[in-house]
Amino acid sequence: MKKILVAGAGHGGLTAAVHLSKNGYDVTVIEAKEKNDLGHDWHDSMNMSAFDMSGIPRPTKEMYIASKAQSFRNPAGTVRIDLPFINNDEGFYIDRKVLIAYLIECAEAAGVKFLFSHKILAPITKNNKVLGLKITDGKFETKLEADLVIDAAGLNSPVRKNLPISCGVQRTIEQRDVYHVFRAYYKNTTGEVTNPPVTINMFHMNRPGIDWTITEEDFVDVLIGKFGSAGVLTEKEVEETLKKFRQDYPFISEETVRGGQFADIPLTKMLPMLVCDGYAAVGDSAGMTIPLNGSGIVLSMKAGRLLADTVLKTKGSYSKKELWSYQYEYFQRLGKELILISTLKNFFTYVDAKQVDLLTEREILTADNLNIYNGFPLTAELVGKMLGTVPHLMNLIPHLLGSFKGYPLLPLVSKAMPKEYDEERVKAWAKLYSKL
């Protein structure tokens, strides 16, 4: 029986574990936290396609809450952009802890084994092949051998960052591609709900990033974020922002209902290489996020199913040649559509609050291109509008061209990606892909 180790109880890793265990594989998930401590203490947006494509049964209605209408505010507060809102069961918010508990329940029912409270130290490697994991329970170190290691250990995965350089997998994610956030739920003292309930503030208080408030009768969900290119989010910035929010919304108390966590979220396109011999990355560890949305759950679960399907088709050596089809399928079916969003994210790490005000006040940024949940946020028309603002945004042009210079290569990158693994062709493709 083939032995699979899943590094971290991430959404994509758990999805892959369910399907592999159901098909007779010996699957063990290694997780540093205790079972009840898993999952950020907050809600995230999702849609049912994550469950349908991944083959995980849809959650019951008791497990999630309906999506809410949203609006964007520019830094100066002079423009409010309301996004189109469709109220149906396909899109919803779900508690991260509830979702992780549900996926673990599905995995355990499928026969997956778990080692909680075990920290992953590094991969076991030999001649560029991953052979297992070095782990510890805090007292003793253990070496676990495996035929395949699935890396679902997140942004700072100790597996990925300790792979041999010769494996060709990017070991770290640049600071520029990290989003620093603080999120907490505060008691709503009056039960007042804003209209719309979700207010997204762009470059709030002149800080490069996005903040939001989501009002419920019992609490107010507050997120404060900062692009990594502008540095790490500080406690002082959080305190100043909370003070401003409480001036705008006096019903936000200082009593925390839940949350109060700092977290780092990758805001990057898929990494150039996701596989090597005996190894495959999924989820945040593979750069599977939706930049500016912050939620990679949907992508991770879909990717977990694609990875499991690839593993089931291999001959059992789990070489990068066999695993390549997982990366190919993910990029062609999901990953390439997010390049446009990643490009827009790059652009917004260069602009300042005054420039965002101009882009909104002149209706260059509108509901159509800010609605990242329902399609691309960037079109040729939008780029044309930006270029048409040369007299007003002259200093933005180099950044605009610099951010978008690689995008015209996307059709070529997609076409050039080899369907079957060939060492030289894959290296050439990865080099071309890195230019996007």
Protein backbone atom coordinates (compact mmCIF):
# COMPACT_ATOMS: atom_id res chain seq x y z
CA MET A 1 0.00 0.00 0.00
CA LYS A 2 1.40 3.39 -1.02
CA LYS A 3 2.08 5.72 1.91
CA ILE A 4 1.17 9.42 1.60
CA LEU A 5 2.12 12.11 4.12
CA VAL A 6 0.21 15.40 4.05
CA ALA A 7 2.17 18.23 5.62
CA GLY A 8 -0.36 20.48 7.36
CA ALA A 9 -4.13 20.29 7.66
CA GLY A 10 -4.75 22.77 4.87
CA HIS A 11 -7.94 22.74 2.79
CA GLY A 12 -6.26 21.39 -0.34
CA GLY A 13 -4.26 18.79 1.50
CA LEU A 14 -7.34 17.50 3.34
CA THR A 15 -9.29 17.31 0.08
CA ALA A 16 -6.54 15.25 -1.55
CA ALA A 17 -6.29 13.07 1.55
CA VAL A 18 -10.02 12.21 1.43
CA HIS A 19 -9.87 10.94 -2.14
CA LEU A 20 -6.57 9.08 -1.81
CA SER A 21 -7.65 7.31 1.37
CA LYS A 22 -10.96 6.34 -0.23
CA ASN A 23 -8.94 4.71 -3.00
CA GLY A 24 -6.87 2.54 -0.70
CA TYR A 25 -3.84 4.72 0.04
CA ASP A 26 -2.29 4.91 3.50
CA VAL A 27 -2.68 8.63 4.24
CA THR A 28 -1.48 10.49 7.34
CA VAL A 29 -1.85 14.23 7.97
CA ILE A 30 0.84 15.87 10.13
CA GLU A 31 -0.36 19.05 11.84
CA ALA A 32 1.47 21.32 14.31
CA LYS A 33 -1.67 22.54 16.07
CA GLU A 34 -4.13 20.64 18.19
CA LYS A 35 -7.34 19.59 16.47
CA ASN A 36 -9.52 22.19 18.19
CA ASP A 37 -7.09 25.04 17.45
CA LEU A 38 -7.21 24.71 13.67
CA GLY A 39 -8.57 27.44 11.42
CA HIS A 40 -8.40 31.22 11.70
CA ASP A 41 -11.04 32.55 14.06
CA TRP A 42 -13.04 34.24 11.31
CA HIS A 43 -15.37 33.72 8.35
CA ASP A 44 -14.36 33.62 4.69
CA SER A 45 -16.23 33.85 1.41
CA MET A 46 -16.72 30.67 -0.61
CA ASN A 47 -18.91 29.18 -3.30
CA MET A 48 -20.35 25.74 -3.81
CA SER A 49 -18.11 25.05 -6.81
CA ALA A 50 -15.32 24.28 -4.32
CA PHE A 51 -17.28 21.30 -3.00
CA ASP A 52 -18.75 20.22 -6.33
CA MET A 53 -15.41 20.11 -8.18
CA SER A 54 -13.48 18.69 -5.24
CA GLY A 55 -16.02 15.93 -4.67
CA ILE A 56 -16.58 16.85 -1.02
CA PRO A 57 -20.29 16.79 -0.03
CA ARG A 58 -21.83 20.25 0.16
CA PRO A 59 -22.10 21.64 3.70
CA THR A 60 -25.53 21.86 5.27
CA LYS A 61 -27.20 25.28 5.54
CA GLU A 62 -26.56 25.31 9.28
CA MET A 63 -22.83 25.51 8.55
CA TYR A 64 -22.75 28.80 6.64
CA ILE A 65 -24.35 32.23 6.31
CA ALA A 66 -25.51 34.09 3.21
CA SER A 67 -23.29 36.53 1.33
CA LYS A 68 -23.85 40.24 1.86
CA ALA A 69 -23.99 43.31 -0.35
CA GLN A 70 -20.68 45.16 -0.64
CA SER A 71 -19.39 48.61 -1.47
CA PHE A 72 -15.94 50.10 -2.01
CA ARG A 73 -14.89 53.48 -0.60
CA ASN A 74 -11.99 55.49 -1.94
CA PRO A 75 -9.37 56.87 0.50
CA ALA A 76 -10.87 60.38 0.60
CA GLY A 77 -14.37 59.03 1.18
CA THR A 78 -15.71 60.93 -1.85
CA VAL A 79 -16.70 57.88 -3.89
CA ARG A 80 -18.79 54.87 -2.96
CA ILE A 81 -18.90 52.01 -5.47
CA ASP A 82 -21.70 49.50 -4.87
CA LEU A 83 -21.07 46.05 -6.27
CA PRO A 84 -23.83 44.02 -7.94
CA PHE A 85 -25.33 41.63 -5.41
CA ILE A 86 -26.90 38.28 -6.19
CA ASN A 87 -28.44 36.50 -3.22
CA ASN A 88 -28.36 32.74 -3.75
CA ASP A 89 -26.98 29.62 -2.10
CA GLU A 90 -23.95 29.35 -4.40
CA GLY A 91 -21.95 32.07 -2.67
CA PHE A 92 -21.72 32.30 1.12
CA TYR A 93 -19.57 32.95 4.19
CA ILE A 94 -18.33 30.05 6.26
CA ASP A 95 -16.52 29.93 9.59
CA ARG A 96 -12.97 28.72 9.01
CA LYS A 97 -13.06 26.56 12.12
CA VAL A 98 -16.34 25.00 11.03
CA LEU A 99 -14.96 24.28 7.55
CA ILE A 100 -11.71 22.73 8.79
CA ALA A 101 -13.63 20.59 11.30
CA TYR A 102 -15.94 19.44 8.50
CA LEU A 103 -13.05 18.52 6.17
CA ILE A 104 -11.32 16.63 8.99
CA GLU A 105 -14.57 14.77 9.68
CA CYS A 106 -14.76 13.82 5.98
CA ALA A 107 -11.12 12.72 6.05
CA GLU A 108 -11.49 10.61 9.18
CA ALA A 109 -14.59 8.96 7.71
CA ALA A 110 -12.49 8.08 4.65
CA GLY A 111 -9.81 6.46 6.82
CA VAL A 112 -7.23 9.26 6.95
CA LYS A 113 -4.99 9.20 10.03
CA PHE A 114 -3.91 12.36 11.87
CA LEU A 115 -0.90 13.32 13.98
CA PHE A 116 -1.86 16.58 15.71
CA SER A 117 0.56 18.62 17.86
CA HIS A 118 3.49 17.46 15.73
CA LYS A 119 5.69 20.13 14.21
CA ILE A 120 7.24 19.51 10.81
CA LEU A 121 10.96 20.27 10.84
CA ALA A 122 12.01 19.55 7.27
CA PRO A 123 11.64 17.09 4.43
CA ILE A 124 13.79 13.99 4.21
CA THR A 125 15.58 14.17 0.87
CA LYS A 126 18.11 12.20 -1.13
CA ASN A 127 19.33 12.96 -4.65
CA ASN A 128 16.64 15.64 -5.13
CA LYS A 129 13.87 13.26 -4.12
CA VAL A 130 11.60 13.77 -1.11
CA LEU A 131 11.41 10.58 0.93
CA GLY A 132 9.40 11.70 3.95
CA LEU A 133 9.30 14.20 6.81
CA LYS A 134 11.24 14.98 9.95
CA ILE A 135 8.77 15.83 12.73
CA THR A 136 8.75 16.44 16.48
CA ASP A 137 6.18 16.35 19.26
CA GLY A 138 8.26 18.87 21.23
CA LYS A 139 10.28 16.20 22.99
CA PHE A 140 11.38 13.67 20.43
CA GLU A 141 12.20 13.89 16.74
CA THR A 142 10.86 11.25 14.39
CA LYS A 143 11.51 10.44 10.75
CA LEU A 144 8.49 9.31 8.76
CA GLU A 145 9.08 7.77 5.35
CA ALA A 146 6.57 8.13 2.52
CA ASP A 147 6.15 7.46 -1.17
CA LEU A 148 4.77 10.99 -1.60
CA VAL A 149 4.67 14.17 0.50
CA ILE A 150 1.82 16.59 -0.17
CA ASP A 151 2.79 20.04 1.07
CA ALA A 152 -0.24 21.86 2.50
CA ALA A 153 1.75 23.66 5.21
CA GLY A 154 1.01 27.18 4.01
CA LEU A 155 2.84 30.39 3.23
CA ASN A 156 5.90 29.60 5.35
CA SER A 157 5.97 25.87 4.73
CA PRO A 158 8.99 24.23 6.40
CA VAL A 159 8.83 21.56 3.71
CA ARG A 160 9.06 23.89 0.72
CA LYS A 161 11.68 26.19 2.23
CA ASN A 162 13.99 23.24 3.01
CA LEU A 163 13.83 21.53 -0.36
CA PRO A 164 17.13 21.24 -2.24
CA ILE A 165 17.61 24.22 -4.57
CA SER A 166 18.17 21.76 -7.39
CA CYS A 167 14.51 20.63 -7.05
CA GLY A 168 13.55 23.86 -8.81
CA VAL A 169 10.71 24.71 -6.41
CA GLN A 170 10.68 28.32 -5.16
CA ARG A 171 11.52 28.00 -1.49
CA THR A 172 10.29 31.37 -0.17
CA ILE A 173 7.58 33.87 -1.11
CA GLU A 174 8.78 37.45 -1.46
CA GLN A 175 7.64 40.06 1.04
CA ARG A 176 6.06 42.01 -1.82
CA ASP A 177 3.67 39.08 -2.36
CA VAL A 178 2.50 38.94 1.26
CA TYR A 179 -0.54 40.71 2.70
CA HIS A 180 -0.40 41.48 6.44
CA VAL A 181 -3.77 41.56 8.19
CA PHE A 182 -5.37 41.99 11.58
CA ARG A 183 -8.91 40.73 12.02
CA ALA A 184 -11.28 40.83 14.97
CA TYR A 185 -15.00 40.78 15.74
CA TYR A 186 -16.23 43.48 18.12
CA LYS A 187 -19.55 43.70 19.93
CA ASN A 188 -22.18 45.85 18.19
CA THR A 189 -23.58 47.98 21.01
CA THR A 190 -26.73 49.17 19.19
CA GLY A 191 -27.53 46.43 16.68
CA GLU A 192 -27.20 48.92 13.81
CA VAL A 193 -26.38 47.39 10.41
CA THR A 194 -24.83 49.57 7.72
CA ASN A 195 -26.19 49.69 4.17
CA PRO A 196 -24.61 47.79 2.56
CA PRO A 197 -23.33 45.61 5.40
CA VAL A 198 -19.86 45.21 3.84
CA THR A 199 -17.76 48.36 3.39
CA ILE A 200 -14.33 47.90 1.80
CA ASN A 201 -11.98 50.86 2.29
CA MET A 202 -9.20 51.24 -0.25
CA PHE A 203 -5.93 52.70 1.10
CA HIS A 204 -7.72 53.56 4.33
CA MET A 205 -5.88 56.25 6.32
CA ASN A 206 -3.39 56.46 3.43
CA ARG A 207 -2.07 52.96 4.18
CA PRO A 208 -1.41 50.80 1.07
CA GLY A 209 -3.95 48.01 1.40
CA ILE A 210 -7.59 47.29 2.09
CA ASP A 211 -9.62 47.48 5.32
CA TRP A 212 -13.21 46.44 5.76
CA THR A 213 -16.11 46.43 8.18
CA ILE A 214 -18.93 43.89 8.01
CA THR A 215 -21.79 44.77 10.30
CA GLU A 216 -24.10 42.28 11.94
CA GLU A 217 -26.67 43.00 14.65
CA ASP A 218 -24.49 41.33 17.28
CA PHE A 219 -20.98 42.19 16.10
CA VAL A 220 -18.82 44.08 13.61
CA ASP A 221 -16.19 42.15 11.65
CA VAL A 222 -13.13 44.38 11.21
CA LEU A 223 -10.21 43.59 8.90
CA ILE A 224 -7.16 45.85 8.64
CA GLY A 225 -4.65 45.05 5.91
CA LYS A 226 -1.36 46.24 4.50
CA PHE A 227 0.60 45.26 1.39
CA GLY A 228 3.93 43.66 2.26
CA SER A 229 5.67 46.04 -0.13
CA ALA A 230 4.86 48.83 2.36
CA GLY A 231 6.20 46.91 5.36
CA VAL A 232 4.71 44.86 8.19
CA LEU A 233 1.41 45.91 9.75
CA THR A 234 2.12 47.32 13.23
CA GLU A 235 0.06 47.33 16.42
CA LYS A 236 0.14 51.14 16.35
CA GLU A 237 -1.42 51.16 12.86
CA VAL A 238 -4.12 48.77 14.04
CA GLU A 239 -4.89 50.92 17.09
CA GLU A 240 -5.09 54.10 14.98
CA THR A 241 -7.36 52.42 12.44
CA LEU A 242 -9.68 51.02 15.11
CA LYS A 243 -9.94 54.50 16.63
CA LYS A 244 -10.98 55.90 13.23
CA PHE A 245 -13.52 53.11 12.68
CA ARG A 246 -15.06 53.81 16.08
CA GLN A 247 -15.37 57.50 15.17
CA ASP A 248 -17.19 56.52 11.97
CA TYR A 249 -19.22 53.76 13.62
CA PRO A 250 -19.75 54.56 17.32
CA PHE A 251 -21.50 51.23 17.84
CA ILE A 252 -18.20 49.31 17.52
CA SER A 253 -17.26 48.54 21.11
CA GLU A 254 -13.83 47.65 22.45
CA GLU A 255 -15.14 44.28 23.57
CA THR A 256 -13.79 41.51 21.36
CA VAL A 257 -16.31 38.80 20.51
CA ARG A 258 -13.76 36.63 18.72
CA GLY A 259 -10.59 36.85 16.65
CA GLY A 260 -8.01 39.53 17.33
CA GLN A 261 -5.38 37.78 15.21
CA PHE A 262 -2.55 38.98 13.01
CA ALA A 263 -1.99 36.82 9.95
CA ASP A 264 0.05 36.77 6.75
CA ILE A 265 -1.68 35.87 3.48
CA PRO A 266 0.13 35.18 0.20
CA LEU A 267 -0.99 37.42 -2.67
CA THR A 268 0.77 35.79 -5.55
CA LYS A 269 0.07 33.84 -8.67
CA MET A 270 0.83 30.11 -8.76
CA LEU A 271 4.50 29.37 -8.10
CA PRO A 272 6.51 28.41 -11.22
CA MET A 273 7.03 24.83 -10.01
CA LEU A 274 4.69 22.87 -7.73
CA VAL A 275 6.23 19.42 -8.02
CA CYS A 276 9.48 17.52 -7.70
CA ASP A 277 10.27 13.85 -7.17
CA GLY A 278 8.13 12.63 -4.27
CA TYR A 279 6.64 16.09 -3.62
CA ALA A 280 3.67 18.23 -4.62
CA ALA A 281 2.53 21.57 -3.17
CA VAL A 282 -1.09 22.66 -2.81
CA GLY A 283 -2.92 25.67 -1.35
CA ASP A 284 -1.03 28.63 0.11
CA SER A 285 2.19 26.64 -0.10
CA ALA A 286 1.74 26.63 -3.89
CA GLY A 287 0.60 30.26 -4.23
CA MET A 288 -3.03 29.30 -4.81
CA THR A 289 -4.73 32.47 -3.65
CA ILE A 290 -6.98 35.11 -5.16
CA PRO A 291 -4.97 38.33 -4.83
CA LEU A 292 -6.95 41.21 -3.30
CA ASN A 293 -9.63 38.76 -2.18
CA GLY A 294 -7.44 36.92 0.28
CA SER A 295 -9.30 33.65 0.07
CA GLY A 296 -7.60 30.67 -1.53
CA ILE A 297 -9.93 28.06 -0.05
CA VAL A 298 -11.89 27.46 -3.25
CA LEU A 299 -8.75 27.11 -5.35
CA SER A 300 -7.04 24.92 -2.77
CA MET A 301 -9.88 22.43 -2.57
CA LYS A 302 -10.20 22.21 -6.35
CA ALA A 303 -6.44 21.76 -6.65
CA GLY A 304 -6.51 19.05 -3.98
CA ARG A 305 -8.89 17.03 -6.14
CA LEU A 306 -6.76 17.56 -9.25
CA LEU A 307 -3.70 16.39 -7.33
CA ALA A 308 -5.48 13.29 -6.03
CA ASP A 309 -6.67 12.43 -9.54
CA THR A 310 -3.10 12.74 -10.83
CA VAL A 311 -1.72 10.52 -8.06
CA LEU A 312 -4.32 7.88 -8.82
CA LYS A 313 -3.18 7.80 -12.46
CA THR A 314 0.55 7.48 -11.74
CA LYS A 315 2.51 4.26 -11.87
CA GLY A 316 3.61 4.75 -8.29
CA SER A 317 7.05 6.32 -8.49
CA TYR A 318 5.63 9.83 -7.95
CA SER A 319 8.36 11.43 -9.99
CA LYS A 320 8.00 15.05 -11.13
CA LYS A 321 7.45 13.62 -14.58
CA GLU A 322 4.36 11.77 -13.33
CA LEU A 323 3.17 14.60 -11.09
CA TRP A 324 3.59 17.31 -13.74
CA SER A 325 0.12 16.68 -15.12
CA TYR A 326 -1.28 18.01 -11.81
CA GLN A 327 0.45 21.35 -12.32
CA TYR A 328 -0.54 21.42 -15.98
CA GLU A 329 -4.22 20.79 -15.22
CA TYR A 330 -4.29 23.32 -12.40
CA PHE A 331 -2.73 26.10 -14.48
CA GLN A 332 -4.81 25.49 -17.58
CA ARG A 333 -8.12 25.08 -15.74
CA LEU A 334 -7.72 27.55 -12.86
CA GLY A 335 -4.36 29.25 -12.46
CA LYS A 336 -4.04 31.18 -15.70
CA GLU A 337 -7.35 32.98 -15.16
CA LEU A 338 -5.89 34.58 -12.01
CA ILE A 339 -2.84 36.11 -13.70
CA LEU A 340 -4.89 39.19 -14.53
CA ILE A 341 -5.84 39.68 -10.87
CA SER A 342 -2.22 39.22 -9.80
CA THR A 343 -1.18 41.86 -12.32
CA LEU A 344 -3.66 44.33 -10.87
CA LYS A 345 -2.36 43.58 -7.38
CA ASN A 346 1.16 44.39 -8.53
CA PHE A 347 -0.02 47.72 -9.88
CA PHE A 348 -1.71 48.68 -6.63
CA THR A 349 1.46 48.11 -4.65
CA TYR A 350 2.93 51.10 -6.53
CA VAL A 351 0.14 53.67 -6.25
CA ASP A 352 -0.69 55.98 -3.36
CA ALA A 353 -3.96 57.14 -1.81
CA LYS A 354 -4.24 60.32 -3.91
CA GLN A 355 -3.83 58.31 -7.10
CA VAL A 356 -6.51 55.83 -6.00
CA ASP A 357 -8.80 58.82 -5.38
CA LEU A 358 -8.22 60.03 -8.95
CA LEU A 359 -8.82 56.55 -10.39
CA THR A 360 -12.17 56.33 -8.59
CA GLU A 361 -13.29 59.94 -8.97
CA ARG A 362 -12.69 59.81 -12.73
CA GLU A 363 -14.60 56.50 -12.89
CA ILE A 364 -11.61 54.55 -14.14
CA LEU A 365 -12.09 52.07 -11.31
CA THR A 366 -15.74 51.03 -11.32
CA ALA A 367 -17.94 48.23 -10.01
CA ASP A 368 -17.21 46.17 -13.13
CA ASN A 369 -13.48 45.98 -12.57
CA LEU A 370 -13.56 45.88 -8.76
CA ASN A 371 -15.94 42.93 -8.61
CA ILE A 372 -13.25 40.28 -8.21
CA TYR A 373 -15.83 37.68 -7.16
CA ASN A 374 -17.65 37.70 -10.49
CA GLY A 375 -14.89 37.92 -13.07
CA PHE A 376 -11.75 39.73 -14.08
CA PRO A 377 -11.08 43.05 -12.36
CA LEU A 378 -8.95 44.26 -15.26
CA THR A 379 -9.71 44.64 -18.95
CA ALA A 380 -8.05 46.21 -21.96
CA GLU A 381 -10.62 49.00 -21.65
CA LEU A 382 -9.51 49.68 -18.08
CA VAL A 383 -5.85 49.81 -19.09
CA GLY A 384 -6.80 52.22 -21.88
CA LYS A 385 -8.62 54.45 -19.41
CA MET A 386 -5.59 54.47 -17.14
CA LEU A 387 -3.30 55.41 -20.00
CA GLY A 388 -5.76 58.16 -20.92
CA THR A 389 -5.13 59.83 -17.58
CA VAL A 390 -1.52 60.68 -18.48
CA PRO A 391 -1.91 64.42 -17.71
CA HIS A 392 -3.10 63.61 -14.20
CA LEU A 393 -1.20 60.44 -13.36
CA MET A 394 2.02 60.88 -15.28
CA ASN A 395 4.18 59.26 -12.60
CA LEU A 396 1.98 56.14 -12.67
CA ILE A 397 2.77 55.26 -16.26
CA PRO A 398 6.13 53.54 -15.56
CA HIS A 399 4.48 51.46 -12.83
CA LEU A 400 1.50 50.72 -15.05
CA LEU A 401 3.72 49.52 -17.86
CA GLY A 402 6.01 47.69 -15.43
CA SER A 403 3.13 45.82 -13.81
CA PHE A 404 1.44 44.87 -17.07
CA LYS A 405 4.47 44.31 -19.28
CA GLY A 406 4.36 40.54 -18.88
CA TYR A 407 0.61 40.13 -19.30
CA PRO A 408 0.61 40.04 -23.14
CA LEU A 409 2.76 36.92 -22.78
CA LEU A 410 -0.07 34.96 -21.13
CA PRO A 411 -1.43 33.35 -24.33
CA LEU A 412 2.12 32.35 -25.26
CA VAL A 413 2.81 31.02 -21.76
CA SER A 414 -0.38 28.98 -21.82
CA LYS A 415 0.38 27.54 -25.24
CA ALA A 416 4.04 26.91 -24.45
CA MET A 417 3.33 24.93 -21.29
CA PRO A 418 4.24 21.31 -22.10
CA LYS A 419 1.44 18.85 -21.40
CA GLU A 420 3.95 16.05 -20.91
CA TYR A 421 6.99 16.61 -18.72
CA ASP A 422 10.25 17.33 -20.49
CA GLU A 423 13.08 18.73 -18.36
CA GLU A 424 14.36 21.37 -20.75
CA ARG A 425 10.93 22.44 -21.99
CA VAL A 426 9.59 22.76 -18.44
CA LYS A 427 12.60 24.86 -17.38
CA ALA A 428 12.09 27.12 -20.38
CA TRP A 429 8.38 27.40 -19.60
CA ALA A 430 9.00 28.25 -15.92
CA LYS A 431 11.42 30.99 -16.97
CA LEU A 432 8.83 32.44 -19.35
CA TYR A 433 6.06 32.12 -16.75
CA SER A 434 8.14 34.03 -14.18
CA LYS A 435 8.01 37.07 -16.48
CA LEU A 436 4.25 37.40 -16.05
